[in-house]
Amino acid sequence: MANVHGFRDIERDPGRNRGGGGGGGAGGDPSYSMPFLVSTASSGNPRKESFFDMIKYVCCPSFRIYSFMCIISLVDIVVFVLELLYRGIIKGNEFLRPSDEALLDFGGKYPYNMRYKFEIWRFITPVFLHANFSHILYNLISQLIFGIPIEDKTGSVRIMIIYFISGIGGNLFSSLISSGISVGASTAVFGLLGSQLAFLIVNWRAFDYPGSGREKFLFIIIILIFFNFLFGVQNPKIDNWGHLGGLLVGIFLGLFVVKSIRLQQYEKKVKTIGMVFTAIFFFGGFALFYTVISPLPLVTA
């Protein structure tokens, strides 16, 4: 994932009708009066803020140490340390790089073994693995900035479902196209981005009132996705197919997993579409992988 930054609150009139005339809107709940990337946390008295309070308010206003995103980030760090200890640190241009053997033994995405040896755990284990220090730093910052506001709005269980299933979907999609070994939480992080877009789609009519900021939010998401893919295209080591798969699953899955502000005919149709496309993606993807696709084995010197 490319470097990203948080967004400040979008100001709006607190007395405005949040339902927008469509009926059954946000019901006066301020936590749903603005898009997902924005937190409802208050910064308190700015004169009493420390430097770390300021950083928290700008980047992760709803930061909680016991949240799922914080816990999974700590797990990523522990696993990365174990990678380095397993076969030592590889010397070279990359800072704190574990060996390729460690990444493979710890469960990196290896389509040949996944296809012919049925090592199905490799669809999920790459989410916990990282190839060097900058790789894990990138993904930790990204998933905290994107994930914590989503978790704050939709709950730990829902965000955990989106995170892991997007990671599986990203590795599945990548395995359909590439035989290479890859690791990283970025498949899941792109799923978080996709769920942001899904939230906006499913609640598009609920935000149909002047000043809701839905068009601005849509523009921000598209720009973030575009620049993250642009960054990936420029780096041949980045698994862009995995990113695309994670993004698609995050959108499809998010359509029926994220909370909707209201539940009328439009929202029901969107949720049904999300379930159908998620089922097609996984049933079709696994069927293709285990019947048609023929991954190549790892070539060793």
Protein backbone atom coordinates (compact mmCIF):
# COMPACT_ATOMS: atom_id res chain seq x y z
CA MET A 1 0.00 0.00 0.00
CA ALA A 2 1.11 3.52 -0.72
CA ASN A 3 1.44 6.08 2.06
CA VAL A 4 -1.91 7.52 3.08
CA HIS A 5 -3.14 10.25 5.43
CA GLY A 6 -6.29 10.76 7.51
CA PHE A 7 -9.09 13.17 6.77
CA ARG A 8 -10.51 15.85 9.02
CA ASP A 9 -14.16 16.00 9.90
CA ILE A 10 -16.57 17.28 7.27
CA GLU A 11 -18.50 20.13 8.81
CA ARG A 12 -22.25 20.11 8.51
CA ASP A 13 -25.29 21.60 10.17
CA PRO A 14 -26.14 19.37 13.16
CA GLY A 15 -29.77 20.32 12.88
CA ARG A 16 -30.15 19.06 9.30
CA ASN A 17 -32.45 16.16 8.59
CA ARG A 18 -30.10 13.18 8.32
CA GLY A 19 -32.61 10.98 6.63
CA GLY A 20 -32.94 13.37 3.74
CA GLY A 21 -36.63 13.00 3.02
CA GLY A 22 -36.28 9.35 2.04
CA GLY A 23 -37.60 8.24 5.39
CA GLY A 24 -35.84 5.96 7.82
CA GLY A 25 -32.57 7.87 7.64
CA ALA A 26 -29.88 7.99 10.26
CA GLY A 27 -32.47 8.51 12.92
CA GLY A 28 -30.55 11.34 14.53
CA ASP A 29 -27.46 9.23 15.17
CA PRO A 30 -24.47 11.56 14.62
CA SER A 31 -22.14 8.63 14.02
CA TYR A 32 -23.83 8.15 10.66
CA SER A 33 -23.94 11.80 9.64
CA MET A 34 -20.69 11.62 7.68
CA PRO A 35 -18.66 9.13 5.61
CA PHE A 36 -16.68 6.18 6.92
CA LEU A 37 -13.20 7.67 6.71
CA VAL A 38 -14.28 10.35 9.16
CA SER A 39 -14.42 9.71 12.87
CA THR A 40 -16.85 11.21 15.31
CA ALA A 41 -14.25 11.39 18.07
CA SER A 42 -13.72 14.79 19.62
CA SER A 43 -10.31 16.34 19.99
CA GLY A 44 -11.17 17.87 23.35
CA ASN A 45 -9.58 21.12 24.47
CA PRO A 46 -6.86 21.89 21.85
CA ARG A 47 -4.85 23.83 24.45
CA LYS A 48 -4.46 20.70 26.55
CA GLU A 49 -3.53 18.39 23.66
CA SER A 50 -0.10 16.77 23.61
CA PHE A 51 1.76 16.07 20.38
CA PHE A 52 0.60 12.44 20.48
CA ASP A 53 -3.02 13.55 21.06
CA MET A 54 -2.74 15.69 17.94
CA ILE A 55 -1.35 12.80 15.88
CA LYS A 56 -4.13 10.53 17.14
CA TYR A 57 -6.83 13.08 16.29
CA VAL A 58 -5.53 13.67 12.77
CA CYS A 59 -4.74 10.04 11.84
CA CYS A 60 -6.82 7.72 14.05
CA PRO A 61 -9.28 9.72 16.21
CA SER A 62 -11.12 6.57 17.39
CA PHE A 63 -7.93 4.65 18.22
CA ARG A 64 -8.46 1.95 20.87
CA ILE A 65 -5.68 -0.40 21.91
CA TYR A 66 -8.14 -3.30 22.29
CA SER A 67 -9.71 -2.88 18.84
CA PHE A 68 -9.39 -5.63 16.24
CA MET A 69 -7.22 -3.47 13.98
CA CYS A 70 -4.74 -2.81 16.79
CA ILE A 71 -4.64 -6.47 17.79
CA ILE A 72 -4.07 -7.71 14.23
CA SER A 73 -1.35 -5.09 13.80
CA LEU A 74 0.41 -6.37 16.91
CA VAL A 75 0.10 -9.92 15.57
CA ASP A 76 1.70 -8.78 12.30
CA ILE A 77 4.64 -7.32 14.24
CA VAL A 78 5.15 -10.50 16.28
CA VAL A 79 5.03 -12.68 13.15
CA PHE A 80 7.51 -10.39 11.39
CA VAL A 81 9.96 -10.74 14.28
CA LEU A 82 9.58 -14.52 14.12
CA GLU A 83 10.29 -14.41 10.37
CA LEU A 84 13.56 -12.58 11.06
CA LEU A 85 14.57 -15.01 13.81
CA TYR A 86 13.69 -18.15 11.82
CA ARG A 87 16.44 -18.03 9.18
CA GLY A 88 18.13 -14.76 10.03
CA ILE A 89 18.14 -11.35 8.33
CA ILE A 90 19.18 -11.17 4.69
CA LYS A 91 21.81 -8.51 4.06
CA GLY A 92 21.23 -6.21 1.11
CA ASN A 93 19.41 -3.06 0.04
CA GLU A 94 16.21 -3.95 1.91
CA PHE A 95 16.15 -3.15 5.63
CA LEU A 96 15.21 -6.08 7.91
CA ARG A 97 14.43 -8.56 5.16
CA PRO A 98 13.60 -12.15 6.20
CA SER A 99 14.77 -15.01 4.01
CA ASP A 100 12.67 -16.35 1.15
CA GLU A 101 12.70 -19.74 2.88
CA ALA A 102 11.14 -18.18 5.97
CA LEU A 103 8.36 -16.58 3.94
CA LEU A 104 7.66 -19.86 2.17
CA ASP A 105 7.79 -21.98 5.34
CA PHE A 106 5.58 -19.52 7.24
CA GLY A 107 2.86 -19.81 4.60
CA GLY A 108 3.52 -17.38 1.77
CA LYS A 109 1.21 -17.57 -1.24
CA TYR A 110 2.61 -20.37 -3.41
CA PRO A 111 -0.01 -21.39 -6.00
CA TYR A 112 1.78 -24.61 -7.03
CA ASN A 113 1.56 -26.10 -3.54
CA MET A 114 -1.91 -24.65 -3.03
CA ARG A 115 -3.11 -26.36 -6.22
CA TYR A 116 -1.33 -29.69 -6.21
CA LYS A 117 -0.60 -30.27 -2.51
CA PHE A 118 -3.83 -28.67 -1.27
CA GLU A 119 -2.02 -26.34 1.13
CA ILE A 120 -5.17 -24.27 1.45
CA TRP A 121 -3.90 -22.34 4.49
CA ARG A 122 -1.75 -20.34 2.08
CA PHE A 123 -4.87 -18.44 1.02
CA ILE A 124 -4.93 -16.71 4.44
CA THR A 125 -1.44 -16.94 5.99
CA PRO A 126 0.16 -14.41 3.58
CA VAL A 127 -1.93 -11.72 5.27
CA PHE A 128 0.29 -12.06 8.36
CA LEU A 129 3.62 -12.07 6.51
CA HIS A 130 5.79 -9.22 5.21
CA ALA A 131 8.89 -9.09 3.05
CA ASN A 132 10.83 -6.30 4.78
CA PHE A 133 10.54 -3.44 7.26
CA SER A 134 9.14 -0.87 4.84
CA HIS A 135 6.55 -3.42 3.66
CA ILE A 136 5.15 -4.04 7.12
CA LEU A 137 5.36 -0.35 8.06
CA TYR A 138 3.35 0.59 4.97
CA ASN A 139 0.62 -1.92 5.70
CA LEU A 140 0.42 -1.23 9.43
CA ILE A 141 -0.08 2.50 8.87
CA SER A 142 -2.61 1.90 6.10
CA GLN A 143 -4.73 -0.63 7.95
CA LEU A 144 -4.81 1.45 11.11
CA ILE A 145 -5.83 4.64 9.28
CA PHE A 146 -8.43 2.90 7.12
CA GLY A 147 -9.52 0.12 9.46
CA ILE A 148 -10.03 1.86 12.79
CA PRO A 149 -12.69 4.34 11.55
CA ILE A 150 -14.54 1.50 9.80
CA GLU A 151 -14.40 -0.65 12.92
CA ASP A 152 -15.65 2.28 14.98
CA LYS A 153 -18.74 2.53 12.76
CA THR A 154 -19.53 -1.09 11.95
CA GLY A 155 -18.10 -3.15 14.82
CA SER A 156 -15.15 -5.49 15.37
CA VAL A 157 -16.84 -8.67 14.11
CA ARG A 158 -17.87 -7.14 10.78
CA ILE A 159 -14.49 -5.55 10.15
CA MET A 160 -12.77 -8.84 11.01
CA ILE A 161 -14.92 -10.65 8.43
CA ILE A 162 -14.14 -8.05 5.76
CA TYR A 163 -10.42 -8.06 6.58
CA PHE A 164 -9.79 -11.80 6.46
CA ILE A 165 -12.15 -12.70 3.61
CA SER A 166 -10.73 -9.86 1.51
CA GLY A 167 -7.26 -11.24 2.20
CA ILE A 168 -8.36 -14.71 1.08
CA GLY A 169 -10.06 -13.28 -2.00
CA GLY A 170 -7.01 -11.26 -2.93
CA ASN A 171 -4.72 -14.28 -2.70
CA LEU A 172 -7.20 -16.39 -4.65
CA PHE A 173 -7.43 -13.82 -7.45
CA SER A 174 -3.65 -13.49 -7.57
CA SER A 175 -3.24 -17.28 -7.71
CA LEU A 176 -5.51 -17.43 -10.76
CA ILE A 177 -3.14 -15.17 -12.69
CA SER A 178 0.33 -15.46 -11.19
CA SER A 179 2.42 -18.44 -10.06
CA GLY A 180 4.74 -16.26 -8.02
CA ILE A 181 5.18 -16.26 -4.25
CA SER A 182 3.76 -13.22 -2.49
CA VAL A 183 3.03 -12.04 1.05
CA GLY A 184 1.49 -9.04 2.76
CA ALA A 185 -1.61 -7.64 4.43
CA SER A 186 -2.24 -5.29 1.51
CA THR A 187 -4.85 -7.65 0.03
CA ALA A 188 -6.86 -7.14 3.22
CA VAL A 189 -6.08 -3.42 3.31
CA PHE A 190 -7.49 -3.02 -0.19
CA GLY A 191 -10.53 -4.87 1.12
CA LEU A 192 -10.91 -2.15 3.73
CA LEU A 193 -10.80 0.45 0.96
CA GLY A 194 -13.41 -1.53 -0.93
CA SER A 195 -15.65 -1.63 2.13
CA GLN A 196 -15.44 2.18 2.31
CA LEU A 197 -16.81 2.32 -1.21
CA ALA A 198 -19.43 -0.32 -0.38
CA PHE A 199 -20.61 1.72 2.60
CA LEU A 200 -21.16 4.71 0.36
CA ILE A 201 -23.00 2.65 -2.27
CA VAL A 202 -25.35 0.95 0.16
CA ASN A 203 -26.10 4.23 1.96
CA TRP A 204 -26.12 6.47 -1.12
CA ARG A 205 -29.81 7.35 -0.78
CA ALA A 206 -29.59 7.78 2.99
CA PHE A 207 -26.99 10.50 2.37
CA ASP A 208 -29.19 12.18 -0.23
CA TYR A 209 -29.38 15.62 1.35
CA PRO A 210 -27.49 18.88 0.78
CA GLY A 211 -24.13 18.99 2.52
CA SER A 212 -23.87 15.24 3.16
CA GLY A 213 -20.49 15.14 1.41
CA ARG A 214 -21.21 11.88 -0.41
CA GLU A 215 -19.82 13.11 -3.75
CA LYS A 216 -16.69 14.41 -2.02
CA PHE A 217 -16.28 11.11 -0.20
CA LEU A 218 -16.68 9.16 -3.45
CA PHE A 219 -14.01 11.32 -5.09
CA ILE A 220 -11.61 10.78 -2.17
CA ILE A 221 -12.02 6.99 -2.29
CA ILE A 222 -11.47 6.85 -6.06
CA ILE A 223 -8.34 9.00 -5.76
CA LEU A 224 -6.96 6.81 -2.96
CA ILE A 225 -7.56 3.63 -4.95
CA PHE A 226 -6.07 5.14 -8.10
CA PHE A 227 -2.84 6.32 -6.47
CA ASN A 228 -2.37 3.09 -4.54
CA PHE A 229 -2.65 1.09 -7.76
CA LEU A 230 -0.41 3.59 -9.53
CA PHE A 231 2.22 3.09 -6.85
CA GLY A 232 1.92 -0.68 -7.23
CA VAL A 233 2.33 -0.59 -11.01
CA GLN A 234 5.63 1.24 -10.59
CA ASN A 235 7.01 -1.48 -8.31
CA PRO A 236 7.33 -4.91 -9.99
CA LYS A 237 7.61 -6.64 -6.60
CA ILE A 238 4.08 -5.62 -5.60
CA ASP A 239 1.28 -8.12 -6.24
CA ASN A 240 -1.25 -5.86 -7.95
CA TRP A 241 -3.51 -8.78 -8.83
CA GLY A 242 -3.80 -9.53 -5.13
CA HIS A 243 -4.65 -5.88 -4.47
CA LEU A 244 -7.36 -5.94 -7.15
CA GLY A 245 -8.85 -9.15 -5.80
CA GLY A 246 -8.91 -7.77 -2.25
CA LEU A 247 -10.56 -4.57 -3.47
CA LEU A 248 -13.28 -6.45 -5.38
CA VAL A 249 -14.06 -8.71 -2.42
CA GLY A 250 -14.10 -5.71 -0.07
CA ILE A 251 -16.71 -4.06 -2.30
CA PHE A 252 -18.87 -7.16 -2.88
CA LEU A 253 -18.69 -8.37 0.72
CA GLY A 254 -19.05 -4.89 2.14
CA LEU A 255 -22.34 -4.34 0.33
CA PHE A 256 -24.07 -6.76 2.70
CA VAL A 257 -21.72 -6.81 5.71
CA VAL A 258 -21.37 -3.10 6.53
CA LYS A 259 -24.20 -1.51 8.46
CA SER A 260 -26.81 0.34 6.45
CA ILE A 261 -28.34 3.50 7.87
CA ARG A 262 -31.77 2.40 6.72
CA LEU A 263 -33.16 -0.78 5.19
CA GLN A 264 -35.60 -0.08 2.41
CA GLN A 265 -36.02 -1.53 -1.08
CA TYR A 266 -32.85 0.03 -2.50
CA GLU A 267 -30.66 -1.15 0.37
CA LYS A 268 -32.14 -4.68 0.21
CA LYS A 269 -31.38 -4.91 -3.52
CA VAL A 270 -27.81 -3.70 -3.02
CA LYS A 271 -27.20 -6.21 -0.24
CA THR A 272 -28.57 -9.03 -2.40
CA ILE A 273 -26.30 -7.99 -5.27
CA GLY A 274 -23.34 -8.03 -2.89
CA MET A 275 -24.13 -11.56 -1.70
CA VAL A 276 -24.55 -12.84 -5.27
CA PHE A 277 -21.28 -11.34 -6.52
CA THR A 278 -19.37 -12.57 -3.45
CA ALA A 279 -20.65 -16.10 -4.03
CA ILE A 280 -19.78 -15.95 -7.75
CA PHE A 281 -16.28 -14.67 -6.98
CA PHE A 282 -15.40 -17.43 -4.53
CA PHE A 283 -17.24 -20.38 -6.06
CA GLY A 284 -16.04 -19.45 -9.54
CA GLY A 285 -12.53 -18.60 -8.37
CA PHE A 286 -11.93 -21.82 -6.44
CA ALA A 287 -13.52 -23.90 -9.21
CA LEU A 288 -11.19 -22.38 -11.79
CA PHE A 289 -8.13 -22.69 -9.59
CA TYR A 290 -8.62 -26.38 -8.80
CA THR A 291 -9.74 -27.47 -12.28
CA VAL A 292 -8.36 -25.19 -15.01
CA ILE A 293 -5.36 -23.29 -13.63
CA SER A 294 -1.94 -24.97 -13.75
CA PRO A 295 0.52 -22.99 -11.58
CA LEU A 296 4.21 -23.38 -12.24
CA PRO A 297 6.57 -24.76 -9.55
CA LEU A 298 9.22 -22.66 -7.88
CA VAL A 299 12.44 -22.60 -9.87
CA THR A 300 15.51 -22.97 -7.66
CA ALA A 301 19.09 -22.40 -8.70
